[in-house]
Protein backbone atom coordinates (compact mmCIF):
# COMPACT_ATOMS: atom_id res chain seq x y z
CA MET A 1 -42.61 -30.02 -28.05
CA GLU A 2 -41.06 -28.81 -30.91
CA ALA A 3 -38.10 -26.56 -30.97
CA GLY A 4 -37.53 -23.61 -33.60
CA ALA A 5 -34.31 -22.81 -35.23
CA GLU A 6 -31.42 -21.78 -32.56
CA GLU A 7 -30.64 -17.99 -32.86
CA ALA A 8 -27.65 -16.03 -31.39
CA ALA A 9 -28.85 -13.39 -29.52
CA VAL A 10 -28.01 -10.38 -26.89
CA GLY A 11 -29.60 -12.93 -23.80
CA LEU A 12 -32.88 -11.40 -24.60
CA VAL A 13 -36.22 -11.67 -26.75
CA VAL A 14 -39.52 -10.20 -26.55
CA LEU A 15 -42.63 -12.22 -28.16
CA GLU A 16 -45.35 -10.94 -29.63
CA LYS A 17 -48.15 -9.25 -28.15
CA PRO A 18 -51.88 -10.59 -28.25
CA ASN A 19 -52.61 -8.64 -31.81
CA GLY A 20 -49.30 -9.60 -33.32
CA GLY A 21 -47.62 -13.04 -34.97
CA CYS A 22 -44.12 -11.66 -34.53
CA GLY A 23 -40.93 -12.06 -32.54
CA ALA A 24 -37.95 -9.41 -32.12
CA SER A 25 -34.50 -10.81 -31.05
CA CYS A 26 -31.36 -8.48 -31.27
CA MET A 27 -27.57 -9.34 -32.01
CA GLN A 28 -25.00 -6.51 -31.33
CA TYR A 29 -26.64 -3.64 -33.11
CA ARG A 30 -29.23 -5.48 -35.66
CA LEU A 31 -32.65 -5.98 -34.66
CA VAL A 32 -34.44 -9.22 -36.36
CA VAL A 33 -38.28 -9.54 -36.23
CA ARG A 34 -39.60 -13.18 -37.21
CA ASP A 35 -42.75 -14.78 -38.26
CA VAL A 36 -43.47 -16.80 -34.88
CA ASN A 37 -44.99 -19.67 -36.79
CA THR A 38 -42.50 -20.07 -39.53
CA LEU A 39 -39.49 -18.31 -37.91
CA GLN A 40 -38.96 -16.47 -41.49
CA ILE A 41 -37.22 -12.79 -41.51
CA LEU A 42 -40.05 -10.30 -41.64
CA GLN A 43 -37.77 -7.10 -41.22
CA LEU A 44 -34.27 -6.60 -40.49
CA TYR A 45 -32.88 -3.13 -38.69
CA THR A 46 -29.49 -1.79 -38.00
CA CYS A 47 -29.21 0.33 -35.25
CA LEU A 48 -26.31 2.98 -34.33
CA ASP A 49 -25.10 0.94 -31.66
CA GLN A 50 -24.86 -2.23 -29.39
CA ILE A 51 -28.64 -2.58 -28.69
CA GLN A 52 -29.22 -3.27 -24.74
CA TYR A 53 -32.87 -3.35 -24.35
CA ILE A 54 -35.56 -4.02 -26.88
CA GLU A 55 -39.48 -3.64 -25.97
CA TRP A 56 -42.55 -3.79 -27.91
CA SER A 57 -45.31 -0.99 -27.82
CA SER A 58 -48.65 -2.37 -26.44
CA ASP A 59 -50.41 -2.54 -30.08
CA SER A 60 -47.18 -4.31 -31.64
CA LEU A 61 -46.86 -1.62 -34.34
CA PHE A 62 -43.53 -0.36 -32.94
CA ILE A 63 -40.57 -1.27 -31.40
CA LEU A 64 -37.76 0.41 -29.48
CA CYS A 65 -34.15 -0.51 -29.07
CA ALA A 66 -32.11 1.13 -26.19
CA MET A 67 -28.58 2.18 -26.54
CA TYR A 68 -27.77 3.06 -22.92
CA LYS A 69 -23.90 3.65 -23.53
CA ARG A 70 -24.99 6.20 -26.08
CA GLY A 71 -27.96 7.55 -24.36
CA ILE A 72 -29.83 6.88 -27.55
CA VAL A 73 -33.28 5.35 -28.26
CA GLN A 74 -34.31 4.14 -31.86
CA VAL A 75 -38.05 3.23 -32.70
CA TRP A 76 -38.62 1.04 -35.95
CA SER A 77 -42.25 0.58 -37.23
CA LEU A 78 -43.27 -2.89 -38.80
CA GLU A 79 -46.07 -0.99 -40.54
CA GLN A 80 -44.28 1.06 -42.56
CA PRO A 81 -40.34 0.00 -42.56
CA ASP A 82 -38.95 3.19 -43.99
CA TRP A 83 -40.09 5.23 -41.06
CA HIS A 84 -38.00 5.35 -37.81
CA CYS A 85 -37.72 7.83 -34.70
CA LYS A 86 -34.09 8.56 -32.84
CA ILE A 87 -34.63 9.89 -29.47
CA ASP A 88 -31.36 11.34 -28.08
CA GLU A 89 -30.78 12.46 -24.22
CA GLY A 90 -27.55 13.88 -24.86
CA SER A 91 -25.14 14.63 -21.94
CA ALA A 92 -27.85 13.76 -19.41
CA GLY A 93 -27.27 10.17 -20.30
CA LEU A 94 -29.89 7.25 -20.14
CA VAL A 95 -30.26 4.33 -17.78
CA ALA A 96 -33.50 3.32 -18.56
CA SER A 97 -36.41 3.28 -21.20
CA CYS A 98 -40.29 2.04 -21.38
CA TRP A 99 -43.58 1.99 -23.72
CA SER A 100 -46.49 4.00 -21.88
CA PRO A 101 -49.35 1.69 -22.16
CA ASP A 102 -50.75 3.42 -25.01
CA GLY A 103 -47.95 2.88 -27.21
CA ARG A 104 -47.35 6.24 -28.56
CA HIS A 105 -44.81 7.39 -25.33
CA ILE A 106 -41.57 6.71 -24.36
CA LEU A 107 -40.23 7.12 -20.91
CA ASN A 108 -36.73 7.83 -20.42
CA THR A 109 -34.88 7.77 -17.36
CA THR A 110 -31.39 9.90 -17.20
CA GLU A 111 -28.52 8.96 -15.30
CA PHE A 112 -28.35 9.49 -11.51
CA HIS A 113 -32.17 9.68 -11.85
CA LEU A 114 -32.18 13.08 -12.27
CA ARG A 115 -35.39 13.00 -14.10
CA ILE A 116 -38.07 11.01 -16.16
CA THR A 117 -38.58 12.14 -20.05
CA VAL A 118 -41.55 11.43 -21.69
CA TRP A 119 -41.53 11.85 -25.03
CA SER A 120 -44.57 11.42 -27.55
CA LEU A 121 -44.11 9.89 -31.05
CA CYS A 122 -47.43 11.91 -32.16
CA THR A 123 -46.95 15.43 -30.90
CA LYS A 124 -43.44 15.54 -30.73
CA SER A 125 -44.12 17.13 -27.23
CA VAL A 126 -41.88 16.31 -24.21
CA SER A 127 -42.65 16.14 -20.67
CA TYR A 128 -40.33 16.29 -17.33
CA ILE A 129 -40.97 14.22 -14.19
CA LYS A 130 -38.47 15.43 -11.61
CA TYR A 131 -36.86 13.41 -8.72
CA PRO A 132 -37.32 9.76 -9.73
CA LYS A 133 -35.97 7.13 -7.10
CA ALA A 134 -33.32 5.07 -7.81
CA CYS A 135 -35.11 1.92 -6.75
CA GLN A 136 -35.83 -1.91 -8.03
CA GLN A 137 -39.39 -0.90 -9.40
CA GLY A 138 -39.95 2.83 -9.38
CA ILE A 139 -42.54 3.02 -11.96
CA ALA A 140 -45.65 1.21 -12.17
CA PHE A 141 -48.40 1.47 -14.44
CA THR A 142 -52.51 0.15 -13.58
CA LYS A 143 -53.44 -2.62 -15.66
CA ASP A 144 -55.73 -0.84 -17.97
CA GLY A 145 -53.08 1.81 -18.49
CA ARG A 146 -54.90 4.99 -17.32
CA TYR A 147 -52.39 5.56 -14.38
CA MET A 148 -49.06 5.74 -13.76
CA ALA A 149 -47.27 5.97 -10.06
CA VAL A 150 -43.83 6.78 -10.02
CA ALA A 151 -41.60 7.01 -6.69
CA GLU A 152 -40.04 9.68 -5.74
CA ARG A 153 -36.67 10.93 -3.30
CA ARG A 154 -36.38 14.75 -2.34
CA ASP A 155 -35.23 15.92 0.45
CA CYS A 156 -34.14 12.79 2.18
CA LYS A 157 -37.89 11.69 1.99
CA ASP A 158 -39.72 9.27 -0.29
CA PHE A 159 -42.97 10.27 -2.20
CA ILE A 160 -45.23 8.76 -4.80
CA SER A 161 -46.90 10.55 -7.63
CA ILE A 162 -49.77 9.56 -9.45
CA PHE A 163 -50.01 10.71 -13.28
CA VAL A 164 -52.73 10.44 -15.72
CA CYS A 165 -51.39 8.80 -18.65
CA SER A 166 -53.53 10.54 -21.39
CA ASP A 167 -52.49 13.77 -20.72
CA TRP A 168 -49.44 13.13 -17.85
CA GLN A 169 -51.11 15.80 -15.46
CA LEU A 170 -50.22 15.13 -11.81
CA LEU A 171 -53.25 13.26 -10.21
CA ARG A 172 -51.98 13.00 -6.69
CA HIS A 173 -48.65 13.41 -4.82
CA PHE A 174 -48.12 12.32 -1.20
CA ASP A 175 -45.09 11.28 0.96
CA THR A 176 -45.00 7.42 1.89
CA GLU A 177 -43.83 6.13 5.69
CA THR A 178 -41.13 4.73 4.44
CA GLN A 179 -37.33 4.75 5.20
CA ASP A 180 -35.51 4.04 2.03
CA LEU A 181 -38.49 2.87 -0.15
CA PHE A 182 -37.75 -0.37 -2.39
CA GLY A 183 -40.90 -1.06 -5.03
CA ILE A 184 -44.28 -0.24 -5.65
CA GLU A 185 -46.73 -1.85 -7.90
CA TRP A 186 -50.48 -1.83 -8.59
CA ALA A 187 -53.17 -4.53 -7.78
CA PRO A 188 -54.36 -5.65 -10.64
CA ASN A 189 -57.75 -3.73 -10.74
CA GLY A 190 -55.81 -0.27 -10.36
CA CYS A 191 -57.55 0.47 -7.03
CA VAL A 192 -54.61 -0.26 -4.55
CA LEU A 193 -50.91 0.44 -4.92
CA ALA A 194 -48.54 -1.57 -2.63
CA VAL A 195 -45.58 0.07 -1.77
CA TRP A 196 -42.49 -1.66 0.53
CA ASP A 197 -39.24 -0.70 2.44
CA THR A 198 -36.07 -1.55 2.35
CA CYS A 199 -35.16 -5.11 3.16
CA LEU A 200 -33.60 -3.45 6.49
CA GLU A 201 -37.02 -2.99 7.71
CA TYR A 202 -40.40 -5.11 7.22
CA LYS A 203 -42.89 -2.57 5.73
CA VAL A 204 -45.64 -2.85 3.13
CA LEU A 205 -47.78 0.28 2.85
CA LEU A 206 -51.01 0.30 0.99
CA TYR A 207 -52.20 3.46 -0.75
CA SER A 208 -55.86 4.17 -2.19
CA LEU A 209 -55.76 5.76 -6.07
CA ASP A 210 -56.32 8.78 -4.47
CA GLY A 211 -52.94 8.75 -2.22
CA ARG A 212 -55.11 7.83 1.30
CA LEU A 213 -53.06 5.38 3.47
CA LEU A 214 -55.15 2.04 3.89
CA SER A 215 -53.12 -0.22 5.72
CA THR A 216 -49.52 -0.81 6.93
CA TYR A 217 -48.42 -4.16 7.57
CA ARG A 218 -45.14 -5.09 9.61
CA ALA A 219 -44.50 -9.02 10.32
CA TYR A 220 -41.77 -8.53 12.54
CA GLU A 221 -38.88 -5.96 13.15
CA TRP A 222 -34.96 -6.00 13.80
CA SER A 223 -34.59 -8.56 10.99
CA LEU A 224 -34.22 -8.54 6.93
CA GLY A 225 -37.87 -8.00 5.71
CA VAL A 226 -39.44 -8.06 2.23
CA LYS A 227 -37.68 -9.53 -0.73
CA SER A 228 -40.46 -10.32 -3.10
CA ILE A 229 -44.33 -9.41 -3.34
CA ALA A 230 -47.01 -10.54 -5.79
CA TRP A 231 -50.62 -9.88 -6.44
CA SER A 232 -53.10 -12.31 -7.33
CA PRO A 233 -54.67 -11.57 -10.67
CA SER A 234 -57.96 -10.84 -8.96
CA SER A 235 -56.49 -8.58 -6.80
CA GLN A 236 -57.95 -10.49 -3.79
CA PHE A 237 -54.59 -11.70 -1.98
CA LEU A 238 -51.48 -9.86 -1.83
CA ALA A 239 -48.53 -12.24 -1.21
CA ILE A 240 -45.43 -11.24 0.40
CA GLY A 241 -41.78 -13.29 0.35
CA SER A 242 -39.37 -12.21 3.12
CA TYR A 243 -36.01 -13.25 4.14
CA ASP A 244 -37.45 -15.62 7.19
CA GLU A 245 -38.35 -18.22 4.35
CA LYS A 246 -41.88 -17.33 4.70
CA VAL A 247 -45.11 -16.15 2.68
CA ARG A 248 -47.76 -14.10 4.02
CA ILE A 249 -50.70 -13.88 2.72
CA LEU A 250 -52.99 -10.69 3.12
CA ASN A 251 -56.81 -10.10 2.23
CA HIS A 252 -58.10 -7.44 0.39
CA VAL A 253 -61.15 -6.55 2.78
CA THR A 254 -59.15 -6.15 5.64
CA TRP A 255 -55.86 -6.01 4.75
CA LYS A 256 -54.42 -8.45 7.38
CA LYS A 257 -53.07 -11.66 7.53
CA ILE A 258 -55.15 -14.59 6.87
CA THR A 259 -52.14 -17.33 6.84
CA GLU A 260 -48.46 -17.92 5.88
CA PHE A 261 -46.46 -20.71 4.26
CA GLU A 262 -43.63 -22.05 5.38
CA HIS A 263 -40.75 -23.50 3.63
CA PRO A 264 -39.07 -26.26 5.78
CA ALA A 265 -36.23 -28.36 4.76
CA THR A 266 -38.31 -31.33 5.52
CA ILE A 267 -41.74 -32.37 4.18
CA ALA A 268 -43.66 -34.26 6.37
CA ASN A 269 -47.55 -33.89 5.25
CA THR A 270 -48.60 -37.11 3.83
CA LYS A 271 -51.13 -35.22 1.35
CA THR A 272 -48.25 -33.18 -0.37
CA ILE A 273 -46.90 -34.78 -3.06
CA VAL A 274 -43.16 -34.75 -3.68
CA TYR A 275 -42.09 -34.93 -7.28
CA LYS A 276 -38.32 -35.69 -7.56
CA GLU A 277 -36.15 -35.38 -10.88
CA VAL A 278 -34.10 -38.44 -11.67
CA GLU A 279 -31.61 -39.02 -14.43
CA LYS A 280 -30.80 -42.19 -16.06
CA SER A 281 -28.16 -42.16 -19.30
CA PRO A 282 -29.70 -44.07 -21.98
CA SER A 283 -28.90 -47.98 -22.53
CA VAL A 284 -26.90 -48.42 -25.86
CA GLU A 285 -26.91 -52.16 -27.52
CA THR A 286 -23.37 -53.16 -27.92
CA GLU A 287 -24.35 -54.24 -31.59
CA ARG A 288 -24.90 -50.81 -32.25
CA LEU A 289 -21.47 -49.70 -30.99
CA SER A 290 -18.97 -48.68 -33.63
CA PHE A 291 -15.71 -46.59 -34.02
CA PRO A 292 -15.96 -43.92 -34.95
CA PRO A 293 -19.33 -43.46 -33.47
CA THR A 294 -22.13 -41.97 -35.75
CA ARG A 295 -23.25 -38.56 -34.66
CA ALA A 296 -26.63 -39.87 -33.77
CA LEU A 297 -25.08 -42.18 -31.24
CA ALA A 298 -22.64 -40.24 -29.74
CA SER A 299 -24.92 -37.47 -29.09
CA SER A 300 -27.32 -40.72 -27.43
CA LEU A 301 -24.36 -41.91 -25.57
CA PHE A 302 -23.38 -38.60 -23.81
CA SER A 303 -27.50 -37.47 -23.11
CA THR A 304 -29.28 -38.21 -19.94
CA GLU A 305 -32.69 -38.72 -19.70
CA SER A 306 -34.83 -37.04 -17.20
CA LYS A 307 -38.28 -37.92 -15.49
CA TYR A 308 -40.01 -37.44 -12.01
CA ASP A 309 -40.78 -40.16 -9.25
CA ILE A 310 -43.05 -39.28 -6.40
CA SER A 311 -41.28 -39.51 -3.16
CA GLN A 312 -42.39 -41.41 -0.20
CA VAL A 313 -43.18 -38.77 2.68
CA PRO A 314 -41.01 -37.64 4.74
CA VAL A 315 -38.48 -36.15 2.46
CA SER A 316 -35.87 -33.77 3.04
CA LEU A 317 -34.69 -31.50 0.43
CA GLN A 318 -31.21 -30.33 -0.12
CA TYR A 319 -30.57 -26.69 2.37
CA ILE A 320 -28.06 -24.28 1.80
CA LYS A 321 -27.15 -22.41 4.88
CA PRO A 322 -26.33 -18.49 3.66
CA VAL A 323 -23.08 -16.81 4.42
CA ALA A 324 -23.85 -14.59 7.18
CA ASP A 325 -20.68 -12.18 6.77
CA ARG A 326 -21.96 -11.41 3.05
CA ALA A 327 -24.23 -8.66 1.24
CA ASN A 328 -27.35 -10.05 -0.24
CA PRO A 329 -27.30 -13.27 1.25
CA LYS A 330 -29.36 -16.21 -0.80
CA MET A 331 -32.08 -16.63 1.61
CA GLY A 332 -35.67 -16.19 2.05
CA ILE A 333 -38.50 -16.15 -0.68
CA GLY A 334 -37.14 -15.03 -3.92
CA MET A 335 -39.97 -15.88 -6.35
CA LEU A 336 -43.23 -15.59 -6.40
CA ALA A 337 -46.02 -16.24 -8.72
CA PHE A 338 -49.97 -16.63 -9.10
CA SER A 339 -51.47 -18.91 -11.38
CA PRO A 340 -53.63 -17.37 -14.07
CA ASP A 341 -56.64 -18.49 -12.42
CA ASN A 342 -56.14 -17.46 -8.66
CA CYS A 343 -56.21 -21.52 -7.86
CA PHE A 344 -52.04 -22.03 -7.17
CA LEU A 345 -48.96 -20.02 -5.84
CA ALA A 346 -45.76 -20.84 -6.87
CA THR A 347 -42.72 -19.85 -4.79
CA LYS A 348 -38.84 -20.51 -3.98
CA ASN A 349 -37.00 -19.99 -1.27
CA ASP A 350 -33.20 -19.47 -1.87
CA ASN A 351 -32.17 -21.28 1.13
CA ILE A 352 -33.27 -24.90 -0.85
CA PRO A 353 -32.43 -23.43 -4.20
CA ASN A 354 -33.51 -27.20 -6.10
CA ALA A 355 -37.35 -26.74 -5.36
CA VAL A 356 -40.36 -25.64 -6.12
CA TRP A 357 -43.49 -25.05 -4.10
CA ILE A 358 -46.76 -24.83 -5.55
CA TRP A 359 -49.78 -24.35 -3.09
CA ASP A 360 -53.16 -24.36 -3.05
CA ILE A 361 -54.77 -21.06 -2.66
CA GLN A 362 -58.01 -22.38 -2.37
CA LYS A 363 -57.56 -24.73 0.69
CA LEU A 364 -54.53 -22.58 1.75
CA LYS A 365 -52.02 -25.39 1.90
CA LEU A 366 -48.95 -27.17 0.37
CA PHE A 367 -50.18 -29.03 -2.95
CA VAL A 368 -46.78 -30.12 -4.73
CA VAL A 369 -43.20 -30.12 -4.49
CA LEU A 370 -40.70 -30.14 -7.31
CA GLU A 371 -37.37 -31.02 -6.43
CA GLN A 372 -34.66 -30.90 -9.36
CA LEU A 373 -31.54 -31.83 -9.67
CA CYS A 374 -29.92 -28.28 -10.32
CA ALA A 375 -30.75 -25.17 -8.72
CA ILE A 376 -33.95 -23.13 -10.03
CA GLN A 377 -33.47 -20.41 -12.65
CA SER A 378 -36.57 -19.19 -13.78
CA PHE A 379 -40.53 -20.50 -13.75
CA GLN A 380 -43.45 -18.83 -15.28
CA TRP A 381 -47.00 -19.78 -15.59
CA ASP A 382 -48.92 -20.42 -18.64
CA PRO A 383 -51.44 -17.45 -19.15
CA ARG A 384 -53.93 -19.61 -20.17
CA GLN A 385 -54.10 -22.35 -18.00
CA PRO A 386 -52.42 -23.29 -14.44
CA ARG A 387 -49.40 -24.94 -15.97
CA LEU A 388 -45.85 -24.16 -14.73
CA ALA A 389 -42.89 -24.05 -16.75
CA VAL A 390 -39.29 -24.25 -15.06
CA CYS A 391 -36.00 -24.04 -16.17
CA THR A 392 -32.53 -25.30 -14.11
CA GLY A 393 -29.43 -24.07 -16.33
CA ASN A 394 -29.82 -27.36 -18.48
CA SER A 395 -31.51 -28.22 -21.79
CA LYS A 396 -34.56 -29.27 -20.25
CA VAL A 397 -37.93 -27.59 -19.71
CA TYR A 398 -40.35 -28.81 -16.79
CA LEU A 399 -43.95 -28.99 -16.87
CA TRP A 400 -46.16 -28.96 -14.28
CA SER A 401 -50.10 -28.91 -14.25
CA PRO A 402 -52.59 -30.63 -11.90
CA ALA A 403 -52.58 -33.93 -13.62
CA GLY A 404 -48.73 -34.31 -13.19
CA CYS A 405 -45.56 -32.97 -14.39
CA VAL A 406 -43.12 -34.02 -17.03
CA SER A 407 -39.42 -33.20 -18.48
CA VAL A 408 -38.74 -32.14 -21.82
CA GLN A 409 -35.64 -32.27 -23.61
CA VAL A 410 -35.38 -29.34 -25.71
CA PRO A 411 -34.30 -31.04 -29.18
CA MET A 412 -31.35 -28.79 -29.63
CA GLU A 413 -27.87 -29.40 -30.85
CA GLY A 414 -24.94 -28.78 -28.59
CA ASP A 415 -24.95 -27.51 -25.15
CA PHE A 416 -28.05 -25.32 -24.95
CA GLN A 417 -28.46 -24.11 -21.18
CA ILE A 418 -31.47 -22.43 -20.16
CA VAL A 419 -31.78 -19.65 -17.98
CA SER A 420 -34.95 -18.13 -18.49
CA LEU A 421 -38.26 -18.73 -20.34
CA SER A 422 -41.27 -16.51 -21.57
CA TRP A 423 -44.50 -17.84 -22.59
CA HIS A 424 -46.67 -16.83 -25.74
CA SER A 425 -49.78 -15.04 -24.89
CA SER A 426 -51.66 -17.87 -26.23
CA GLY A 427 -49.72 -20.27 -24.18
CA ASP A 428 -48.94 -22.25 -27.64
CA SER A 429 -45.09 -21.67 -27.43
CA MET A 430 -42.25 -20.34 -25.08
CA ALA A 431 -39.12 -18.72 -25.63
CA LEU A 432 -36.04 -20.48 -24.05
CA LEU A 433 -33.16 -18.26 -23.51
CA SER A 434 -29.49 -19.29 -22.65
CA LYS A 435 -26.86 -16.74 -22.34
CA ASP A 436 -26.10 -16.33 -25.44
CA ASN A 437 -28.97 -18.16 -27.91
CA PHE A 438 -32.63 -18.56 -27.88
CA CYS A 439 -35.16 -20.90 -29.50
CA LEU A 440 -38.61 -21.22 -29.98
CA CYS A 441 -40.80 -24.01 -28.56
CA TYR A 442 -44.11 -25.02 -29.65
CA LEU A 443 -46.47 -27.07 -27.54
CA GLU A 444 -49.28 -29.41 -28.83
CA ARG A 445 -52.68 -28.39 -28.10
CA GLU A 446 -54.79 -31.20 -27.06
CA GLU A 447 -58.17 -31.77 -29.01
CA VAL A 448 -61.40 -31.04 -26.93
CA LYS A 449 -63.46 -33.85 -27.82
């Protein structure tokens, strides 16, 4: 692995789309566009205020910069650097902004979620969507970009509106059987919309494109319910993570549960591989010691090497009992992600923060557990192959594949604590983010003989 130059940022970077070769980062009011392969600066834009959010258009020709404090969105063109667009929401304010799938419309959500304003870059027309619901995931586009679902709240009831993205005409409008809708997400094939309720009530509703209720799933009552949801890339499975530390898998034929994955603190199955991270300080020959030490020697003295050992089962994992009298307890399945080939599911149980669980979807069994020294901050699958990247808040990246797993020290100077990561669409590189900086890492591709 090779690391590109470290850059100061506001804690966010967006890599290029499949048809682009650029990466963008922002620092205060400046937007920097770089060539991902050489890291040379291609464009440098100056915005009107500090940037809170940036996002590429789907064709990588435009990039929007949202300045929520001033209620302004600025749009820049890579092909025509002199062209730019400014959208001012005025007294209505701004709390969220995003691109439509066609890359020619911008959706702005005003303060207090009074409305969503759809701005067209081509015709300069404006459309309005009233009563959007303030929830974790209230807007969802189908993968093909044809339809948009919006969660709404009016007269103390939840509704879903489905719009055609080509002309923003309302296709369907229906109420949902939820107490306090929390999120919506389309299946990758765009045929089914999953809707889930507040964590106070376990309820998952599945609707067709025309608004018919296909199924309702409730695993239990009178306890904290759904915490996370993930569709498999094939749309065959819906994984539901809940506060009872279990993942339930629904099938796409009957929408019934086919299995559930438990996350116990003790791994007893001999067929499960447990990789345990261990650290060792590198040994330094006394003859090489000098005072004052050289910069390279000082770095090696205080650095630690990390590797994985295969633990013999049974293995007891570090279990944290949540504080019962506090809101948002750290318990249950907080992260879910399917591999791009549908073969594996990675999960994290917040009660056991140092472990990543990898399940074999073909056999519906636990395959591997990665036991880290620090709490899991983020993980993400390589978009091209079943390879999982994990970060734990230190300067290392952990990679797992069916062939094994490895710990990689990011070759950066200073204290670079990785809190999140993002793969490039080709799978050849990834962006690693700390609180104030980011770097690009390039992975060597194996030659196929």
